[in-house]
Protein backbone atom coordinates (compact mmCIF):
# COMPACT_ATOMS: atom_id res chain seq x y z
CA MET A 1 63.48 115.17 154.09
CA ARG A 2 66.55 116.77 152.54
CA LYS A 3 68.08 119.86 154.13
CA VAL A 4 67.85 123.26 152.47
CA TYR A 5 70.93 125.49 152.59
CA HIS A 6 70.46 129.25 152.45
CA LYS A 7 74.02 130.44 151.94
CA ILE A 8 76.21 130.09 148.86
CA ASN A 9 79.85 130.68 149.82
CA ARG A 10 81.29 131.19 146.35
CA ILE A 11 80.19 131.73 142.77
CA ALA A 12 82.83 131.19 140.06
CA GLY A 13 81.65 130.96 136.48
CA ASN A 14 78.87 128.36 136.43
CA VAL A 15 80.10 126.70 139.63
CA ILE A 16 78.75 127.48 143.09
CA THR A 17 80.08 126.27 146.47
CA VAL A 18 78.10 125.60 149.66
CA GLU A 19 78.82 124.00 153.03
CA ALA A 20 76.84 120.77 153.30
CA ASP A 21 76.99 117.29 154.87
CA GLY A 22 75.81 113.89 153.65
CA VAL A 23 76.05 114.81 149.97
CA ALA A 24 77.18 112.35 147.26
CA TYR A 25 79.27 112.96 144.14
CA ASN A 26 77.09 113.61 141.04
CA GLU A 27 74.04 114.24 143.23
CA LEU A 28 71.52 116.73 141.87
CA ALA A 29 70.36 119.89 143.63
CA GLU A 30 67.85 122.67 143.03
CA VAL A 31 69.04 126.26 143.31
CA THR A 32 66.09 128.58 143.99
CA GLY A 33 66.23 132.36 143.97
CA ALA A 34 64.93 135.47 142.28
CA ARG A 35 65.31 133.99 138.80
CA GLY A 36 63.42 130.83 139.68
CA THR A 37 64.70 127.27 140.16
CA SER A 38 67.75 125.87 138.38
CA LEU A 39 69.17 122.38 138.37
CA ALA A 40 72.77 121.78 139.49
CA GLN A 41 75.03 118.75 139.95
CA VAL A 42 77.76 118.03 142.51
CA ILE A 43 81.16 117.94 140.82
CA ARG A 44 83.55 118.14 143.80
CA LEU A 45 83.54 117.23 147.49
CA GLN A 46 86.25 118.59 149.78
CA ASP A 47 85.53 118.14 153.47
CA ASN A 48 82.17 119.89 153.88
CA GLN A 49 82.70 122.16 150.87
CA VAL A 50 80.43 121.04 148.04
CA SER A 51 80.91 122.44 144.54
CA LEU A 52 78.04 122.25 142.05
CA GLN A 53 77.80 123.14 138.38
CA VAL A 54 74.58 124.95 137.48
CA PHE A 55 73.18 123.68 134.20
CA ALA A 56 71.55 126.95 133.16
CA GLY A 57 74.57 129.02 134.19
CA SER A 58 75.05 131.12 137.33
CA ARG A 59 73.79 134.41 135.94
CA GLY A 60 71.13 135.76 138.30
CA ILE A 61 72.17 133.55 141.22
CA SER A 62 73.04 135.35 144.47
CA THR A 63 74.77 134.15 147.64
CA GLY A 64 71.42 134.25 149.46
CA ASP A 65 69.69 131.75 147.17
CA GLN A 66 68.67 128.43 148.65
CA VAL A 67 70.14 125.07 147.65
CA ARG A 68 68.20 121.83 148.15
CA PHE A 69 69.88 118.48 147.42
CA LEU A 70 67.64 115.88 145.81
CA GLY A 71 69.43 112.74 147.01
CA ARG A 72 69.77 111.23 143.54
CA PRO A 73 71.99 111.60 140.46
CA MET A 74 70.87 112.82 137.03
CA GLU A 75 68.25 110.53 135.47
CA ILE A 76 66.81 110.12 131.99
CA SER A 77 63.95 108.02 130.70
CA GLY A 78 64.77 104.71 129.05
CA SER A 79 61.32 104.46 127.51
CA ASP A 80 60.55 103.73 123.86
CA ASP A 81 58.62 107.02 123.92
CA LEU A 82 61.99 108.77 123.42
CA LEU A 83 62.17 107.56 119.82
CA GLY A 84 61.58 110.39 117.37
CA ARG A 85 62.26 113.00 120.04
CA VAL A 86 64.83 115.80 120.40
CA PHE A 87 66.19 116.86 123.82
CA ASN A 88 68.70 119.44 125.03
CA GLY A 89 71.84 118.94 127.10
CA ARG A 90 69.97 118.52 130.38
CA GLY A 91 67.36 116.11 129.00
CA ALA A 92 64.53 118.65 128.58
CA PRO A 93 62.49 118.49 125.35
CA ARG A 94 63.79 120.71 122.56
CA ASP A 95 60.91 119.78 120.23
CA GLN A 96 58.13 121.53 122.23
CA ARG A 97 56.57 118.18 123.15
CA PRO A 98 55.86 116.80 126.66
CA GLU A 99 58.61 115.48 128.92
CA VAL A 100 59.08 111.71 129.19
CA THR A 101 59.29 110.71 132.86
CA ASP A 102 58.59 106.98 132.96
CA ASN A 103 61.22 104.25 133.36
CA LEU A 104 63.87 106.65 134.71
CA ILE A 105 67.48 105.41 134.72
CA GLU A 106 70.67 106.91 136.15
CA ILE A 107 73.23 108.31 133.75
CA GLY A 108 77.00 108.07 134.01
CA GLY A 109 77.03 104.60 135.53
CA PRO A 110 79.93 102.12 135.29
CA SER A 111 80.88 100.19 132.17
CA VAL A 112 79.44 96.72 131.61
CA ASN A 113 80.98 93.82 133.48
CA PRO A 114 83.35 91.98 131.08
CA SER A 115 81.68 88.67 131.99
CA LYS A 116 78.48 89.95 130.37
CA ARG A 117 80.23 90.81 127.09
CA ILE A 118 80.78 88.66 124.03
CA LEU A 119 83.41 89.02 121.31
CA PRO A 120 82.43 91.36 118.44
CA ARG A 121 81.27 89.23 115.53
CA ASN A 122 78.69 91.12 113.44
CA MET A 123 79.23 93.68 110.68
CA ILE A 124 77.23 96.91 110.54
CA ARG A 125 76.61 97.74 106.89
CA THR A 126 76.59 101.44 105.99
CA GLY A 127 76.51 101.53 102.17
CA ILE A 128 79.82 103.48 102.20
CA PRO A 129 82.53 101.47 100.36
CA MET A 130 85.45 103.00 102.30
CA ILE A 131 83.86 101.65 105.47
CA ASP A 132 82.17 98.44 104.35
CA ILE A 133 85.05 97.12 102.19
CA PHE A 134 88.20 98.65 103.63
CA ASN A 135 87.49 99.50 107.30
CA THR A 136 84.47 97.47 108.27
CA LEU A 137 82.40 98.79 111.17
CA VAL A 138 81.81 96.02 113.70
CA GLU A 139 78.97 95.79 116.17
CA SER A 140 80.05 96.95 119.67
CA GLN A 141 83.09 98.76 118.25
CA LYS A 142 84.20 102.21 119.41
CA LEU A 143 85.71 104.33 116.64
CA PRO A 144 86.53 108.04 116.38
CA ILE A 145 86.31 110.04 113.16
CA PHE A 146 89.40 112.27 113.19
CA SER A 147 88.79 115.42 111.21
CA ILE A 148 89.41 119.17 111.09
CA ALA A 149 86.91 122.00 111.20
CA GLY A 150 85.20 122.46 107.85
CA GLU A 151 85.18 118.81 106.82
CA PRO A 152 81.72 117.27 106.20
CA TYR A 153 81.76 115.06 109.29
CA ASN A 154 78.18 115.89 110.30
CA GLN A 155 77.05 115.02 106.77
CA LEU A 156 78.90 111.71 107.10
CA LEU A 157 77.21 111.00 110.45
CA ALA A 158 73.80 111.81 108.97
CA ARG A 159 74.44 109.45 106.08
CA ILE A 160 75.52 106.67 108.44
CA ALA A 161 72.43 107.30 110.58
CA LEU A 162 70.19 106.91 107.52
CA GLN A 163 71.84 103.77 106.13
CA ALA A 164 73.36 101.82 109.01
CA GLU A 165 71.68 98.44 109.53
CA VAL A 166 70.84 98.91 113.23
CA ASP A 167 67.64 99.16 115.24
CA VAL A 168 68.16 102.49 117.03
CA ILE A 169 70.25 105.61 116.40
CA ILE A 170 71.25 107.82 119.36
CA LEU A 171 72.72 111.14 118.18
CA GLY A 172 74.55 113.29 120.73
CA GLY A 173 75.53 116.77 119.56
CA MET A 174 77.95 118.90 121.60
CA GLY A 175 78.67 122.55 120.87
CA LEU A 176 76.87 122.37 117.52
CA LYS A 177 76.21 125.41 115.40
CA TYR A 178 72.46 125.84 115.10
CA ASP A 179 72.67 125.25 111.35
CA ASP A 180 74.36 121.89 111.96
CA TYR A 181 71.67 120.91 114.47
CA LEU A 182 68.92 121.79 111.99
CA TYR A 183 70.71 119.90 109.23
CA LEU A 184 71.00 116.72 111.30
CA ARG A 185 67.42 116.87 112.56
CA ASN A 186 65.88 117.75 109.20
CA THR A 187 67.90 115.13 107.31
CA LEU A 188 66.76 112.36 109.65
CA GLU A 189 63.18 113.60 109.51
CA GLU A 190 62.99 113.98 105.74
CA HIS A 191 64.35 110.48 105.11
CA GLY A 192 62.16 108.76 107.70
CA ALA A 193 64.97 107.88 110.11
CA LEU A 194 63.88 110.17 112.96
CA SER A 195 61.30 107.60 114.09
CA ARG A 196 64.10 105.21 115.12
CA SER A 197 66.34 107.96 116.52
CA VAL A 198 66.80 109.90 119.76
CA LEU A 199 68.62 113.25 119.62
CA PHE A 200 70.39 114.95 122.53
CA ILE A 201 71.55 118.32 121.24
CA HIS A 202 73.74 120.92 122.93
CA THR A 203 74.34 123.97 120.76
CA ALA A 204 77.15 126.50 121.04
CA ALA A 205 74.62 128.99 122.47
CA ASP A 206 73.63 126.69 125.36
CA PRO A 207 75.34 126.71 128.80
CA VAL A 208 78.69 124.95 128.56
CA VAL A 209 77.99 122.65 131.51
CA GLU A 210 75.13 121.01 129.61
CA CYS A 211 77.67 119.83 127.03
CA LEU A 212 79.11 117.42 129.60
CA MET A 213 75.79 115.61 130.05
CA VAL A 214 75.20 114.73 126.38
CA PRO A 215 77.45 111.61 126.10
CA ASP A 216 76.21 110.23 129.43
CA MET A 217 72.53 110.64 128.53
CA SER A 218 73.09 109.20 125.05
CA LEU A 219 74.91 106.15 126.38
CA ALA A 220 72.48 105.56 129.25
CA VAL A 221 69.54 105.45 126.82
CA ALA A 222 71.59 103.28 124.45
CA GLU A 223 72.26 100.80 127.25
CA ALA A 224 68.57 100.65 128.17
CA TYR A 225 67.66 99.85 124.56
CA ALA A 226 70.53 97.37 124.14
CA LEU A 227 69.31 95.43 127.18
CA GLN A 228 65.99 95.07 125.34
CA GLY A 229 67.85 93.23 122.56
CA LYS A 230 68.26 96.16 120.17
CA ARG A 231 71.34 96.98 118.09
CA VAL A 232 72.11 100.61 118.98
CA LEU A 233 74.48 102.95 117.14
CA VAL A 234 75.58 106.02 119.13
CA LEU A 235 76.85 108.94 117.03
CA LEU A 236 78.65 111.71 118.95
CA THR A 237 79.80 115.05 117.54
CA ASP A 238 82.10 116.57 118.61
CA MET A 239 84.18 115.05 121.43
CA THR A 240 86.70 117.90 121.24
CA ASN A 241 83.91 120.27 122.30
CA PHE A 242 83.17 117.89 125.18
CA ALA A 243 86.85 117.98 126.22
CA ASP A 244 86.91 121.78 125.95
CA ALA A 245 83.89 121.92 128.28
CA LEU A 246 85.80 119.72 130.74
CA LYS A 247 88.73 122.12 130.50
CA GLU A 248 86.56 125.17 131.13
CA ILE A 249 85.03 123.63 134.25
CA ALA A 250 88.45 122.47 135.49
CA ILE A 251 89.82 126.00 135.13
CA THR A 252 86.84 127.37 137.04
CA MET A 253 87.54 124.82 139.78
CA GLU A 254 91.19 125.96 139.84
CA GLN A 255 92.44 122.46 139.13
CA ILE A 256 96.10 122.05 138.19
CA PRO A 257 96.11 121.88 134.38
CA ALA A 258 97.84 119.14 132.41
CA ASN A 259 98.78 119.09 128.71
CA ARG A 260 97.58 122.29 126.96
CA GLY A 261 95.36 123.21 129.87
CA TYR A 262 93.19 120.08 129.79
CA PRO A 263 92.44 118.37 133.14
CA GLY A 264 94.72 115.56 134.21
CA ASP A 265 91.89 113.03 134.10
CA LEU A 266 91.07 113.67 130.42
CA TYR A 267 91.97 110.09 129.47
CA SER A 268 89.70 108.65 132.18
CA GLN A 269 86.85 110.99 131.24
CA LEU A 270 87.01 109.90 127.59
CA ALA A 271 87.54 106.21 128.39
CA SER A 272 84.56 106.06 130.77
CA ARG A 273 82.35 107.04 127.81
CA TYR A 274 83.95 105.01 125.02
CA GLU A 275 84.07 101.85 127.14
CA LYS A 276 80.26 101.78 127.17
CA ALA A 277 80.49 100.13 123.74
CA VAL A 278 79.45 96.51 124.28
CA ASP A 279 77.88 93.43 122.74
CA PHE A 280 75.74 91.90 125.49
CA ASP A 281 75.57 88.17 126.01
CA GLY A 282 71.93 87.36 125.29
CA ALA A 283 70.84 90.92 124.48
CA GLY A 284 71.68 93.74 122.06
CA SER A 285 74.73 95.91 121.49
CA ILE A 286 76.09 99.47 121.65
CA THR A 287 78.40 100.74 118.89
CA ILE A 288 80.02 104.18 119.14
CA LEU A 289 81.15 106.47 116.31
CA ALA A 290 82.41 109.81 117.63
CA VAL A 291 83.75 112.80 115.71
CA THR A 292 86.97 114.24 117.16
CA THR A 293 88.12 117.44 115.48
CA MET A 294 91.87 118.02 115.58
CA PRO A 295 92.89 121.68 116.10
CA GLY A 296 95.44 122.53 113.42
CA ASP A 297 95.10 118.98 112.00
CA ASP A 298 97.39 117.92 114.85
CA VAL A 299 96.88 114.28 115.81
CA THR A 300 99.20 114.80 118.83
CA HIS A 301 96.68 117.24 120.32
CA PRO A 302 95.59 115.85 123.74
CA VAL A 303 92.05 114.94 122.67
CA PRO A 304 92.83 112.79 119.57
CA ASP A 305 96.03 111.55 121.21
CA ASN A 306 94.20 110.20 124.28
CA THR A 307 91.34 108.93 122.14
CA GLY A 308 93.69 106.80 120.05
CA TYR A 309 94.76 104.83 123.13
CA ILE A 310 91.13 103.98 123.98
CA THR A 311 89.44 103.16 120.71
CA GLU A 312 89.79 100.28 118.25
CA GLY A 313 91.10 102.23 115.29
CA GLN A 314 89.97 105.46 113.65
CA PHE A 315 88.63 106.99 110.46
CA TYR A 316 90.53 109.99 109.03
CA LEU A 317 88.27 112.40 107.16
CA ARG A 318 90.34 114.58 104.82
CA HIS A 319 89.31 116.60 101.76
CA GLY A 320 85.77 115.26 102.04
CA ARG A 321 86.88 111.61 101.91
CA ILE A 322 87.75 108.83 104.31
CA GLU A 323 91.51 108.56 103.86
CA PRO A 324 92.65 104.95 103.20
CA PHE A 325 96.04 105.52 104.83
CA GLY A 326 95.77 105.99 108.57
CA SER A 327 92.17 104.87 108.76
CA LEU A 328 91.91 101.58 110.58
CA SER A 329 89.29 99.24 112.00
CA ARG A 330 91.15 96.86 114.27
CA LEU A 331 88.17 94.52 114.50
CA LYS A 332 87.45 94.20 110.78
CA GLN A 333 89.16 90.81 110.58
CA GLN A 334 86.46 89.53 112.96
CA VAL A 335 83.82 89.93 110.25
CA ASN A 336 85.18 90.56 106.75
CA GLY A 337 86.22 86.92 106.37
CA LYS A 338 82.56 85.97 106.80
CA THR A 339 81.09 88.32 104.19
CA ARG A 340 82.30 87.07 100.79
CA LYS A 341 85.43 85.06 100.17
CA ASP A 342 86.99 87.71 97.94
CA HIS A 343 86.50 90.54 100.47
CA ARG A 344 89.93 90.43 102.11
CA ALA A 345 91.77 89.90 98.83
CA ILE A 346 90.06 92.90 97.23
CA MET A 347 90.72 95.04 100.30
CA ASP A 348 94.44 94.23 100.40
CA SER A 349 95.04 94.45 96.65
CA MET A 350 93.18 97.72 96.04
CA ILE A 351 94.91 99.55 98.90
CA ARG A 352 98.32 98.29 97.77
CA LEU A 353 97.67 99.47 94.21
CA TYR A 354 96.37 102.81 95.48
CA ALA A 355 99.63 103.28 97.40
CA ASP A 356 101.49 102.60 94.14
CA TYR A 357 99.24 105.19 92.45
CA ARG A 358 100.25 107.78 95.02
CA SER A 359 103.91 107.07 94.25
CA ALA A 360 103.24 107.36 90.49
CA LEU A 361 101.44 110.65 91.09
CA GLU A 362 104.48 111.96 92.92
CA LYS A 363 106.76 110.88 90.05
CA GLN A 364 104.49 112.68 87.60
CA SER A 365 104.51 115.89 89.64
CA MET A 366 108.33 115.82 89.70
CA GLY A 367 108.56 115.50 85.90
CA PHE A 368 109.86 111.92 85.70
CA GLN A 369 109.13 109.86 82.61
CA MET A 370 106.04 107.71 83.13
CA SER A 371 106.17 103.99 82.29
CA ALA A 372 103.26 101.98 80.93
CA TRP A 373 102.72 100.61 84.45
CA ASP A 374 102.65 104.14 85.89
CA LYS A 375 99.98 105.12 83.37
CA LYS A 376 97.87 102.14 84.42
CA LEU A 377 98.24 103.21 88.04
CA LEU A 378 97.18 106.78 87.24
CA LYS A 379 94.03 105.54 85.54
CA TYR A 380 93.32 103.17 88.42
CA GLY A 381 93.83 105.82 91.11
CA LYS A 382 91.32 108.20 89.57
CA LEU A 383 88.72 105.44 89.24
CA PHE A 384 89.37 104.29 92.82
CA GLU A 385 88.82 107.80 94.20
CA GLU A 386 85.70 108.28 92.11
CA ARG A 387 84.08 104.88 92.77
CA MET A 388 85.28 104.00 96.26
CA MET A 389 86.45 107.08 98.16
CA ASP A 390 83.84 109.65 97.16
CA LEU A 391 81.35 109.92 100.04
CA SER A 392 78.48 110.44 97.60
CA VAL A 393 78.84 106.79 96.50
CA ASN A 394 76.01 104.74 97.99
CA ILE A 395 76.30 101.03 97.26
CA ALA A 396 75.85 97.81 99.21
CA LEU A 397 78.82 95.57 100.01
CA GLU A 398 78.35 92.86 97.36
CA PRO A 399 77.78 95.28 94.43
CA ALA A 400 80.72 97.31 95.76
CA LEU A 401 82.96 94.24 95.60
CA ASP A 402 81.76 93.59 92.03
CA LEU A 403 82.56 97.22 91.16
CA ALA A 404 86.02 96.76 92.69
CA TRP A 405 86.68 93.79 90.37
CA GLN A 406 85.42 95.82 87.41
CA THR A 407 87.76 98.69 88.30
CA LEU A 408 90.74 96.34 88.47
CA ALA A 409 89.78 94.76 85.15
CA GLU A 410 89.55 98.15 83.42
CA CYS A 411 93.11 99.03 84.42
CA PHE A 412 95.14 95.83 84.77
CA GLU A 413 95.66 92.31 83.52
CA PRO A 414 94.63 89.50 85.89
CA SER A 415 98.26 88.62 86.53
CA GLU A 416 99.09 92.17 87.68
CA VAL A 417 96.72 92.54 90.62
CA GLY A 418 98.37 90.05 92.99
CA ILE A 419 95.20 88.10 93.81
CA LYS A 420 95.01 84.30 94.02
CA THR A 421 94.25 82.59 90.72
CA ASP A 422 91.13 80.79 91.98
CA LEU A 423 89.57 84.10 93.07
CA VAL A 424 90.51 85.78 89.77
CA ARG A 425 89.03 82.87 87.84
CA GLU A 426 85.74 83.15 89.78
CA PHE A 427 85.27 86.92 90.07
CA TRP A 428 87.19 88.56 87.19
CA PRO A 429 84.60 90.19 84.87
CA LYS A 430 84.12 87.81 81.94
CA LYS A 431 83.41 90.43 79.30
CA THR A 432 86.62 92.29 80.02
CA GLU A 433 88.58 89.01 79.94
CA GLN A 434 87.26 88.20 76.46
CA GLU A 435 88.16 91.65 75.19
């Protein structure tokens, strides 16, 4: 029988402090008073002083309320009954349907033992050429989408959720505007993808402490499904809101701030989530795509800066497009040599020519005389942006590679593209060659 404590020593923001013994870090507690019962979680232990964050906020809590520790950490169901469901930041149903309480699993556990992992080796197709051709998403990869406020990153996530060739989608929303939440939910529902998805949604109107639970719940459920042999894609938006929630709690706890007020363990907090990406030996996999908004488009901001040291590349979303320069999938070479033999050659050649197009565009803007080669580059660059970079383009990998060859043939001679003769001979569009 767990003890009940009847005195709260301190209330600061959404954090309360009591004197208690035999309590574990991350343990759950019930706070009962005039407003009813609220759930709280232990976030700091200092001698016999126990600090807890109250999920529903501390409004209405008094120092005379009672605190009862439950002797267990936060748990979430790992059942298949979660599919098609929407939950809030503390795991309660947001869709007005019954709670799911079977097959409960702890959240926030350690990362997978390296001996149980295998090397990433499978491509996840998305139907987006800038990903599939140029920065291939690899199963068990962890990649951030660096963006700024106002870019269509939630639309990009929704599109990936609809088209990615995986078994299960776990969508974790943190600090979302209600309109964004409705957009994500309705898009998945209207296109029939909600049935293979689980949504954990924290909106900007919800208590800030619930924001911290979303990645842990999403990844715990993903791990449960992956151990069943399923390929799971976890989409998180937005990790900067998660970091801001960490900062707010740290300030309440009077912790010594680090860079720009963020807690000193920001790197560890982010890494403990991203490192849950895994390809299990003999089971399924977890792949993580997480939006990270950059305040002021500043990549040296602590959140994107720390993220870059953890993840295996990044996508830059600028002007509604995935930017080819700066975007990087460090694991793409594990898979794009196994797709089609012209994949790597097309990738390298098209990006090189697009860089030349950018230089030609700069020459044109400065009033320099344009050569015949520059004019070819200008034509190519516009076609490349229209056919490859535009996020409205929806095309599978093989047709996209064929379209890439067609684009090159419309702008250049075979000898100008810098691709091996045997590949040109096999893939160069025949009709264009005859013309």
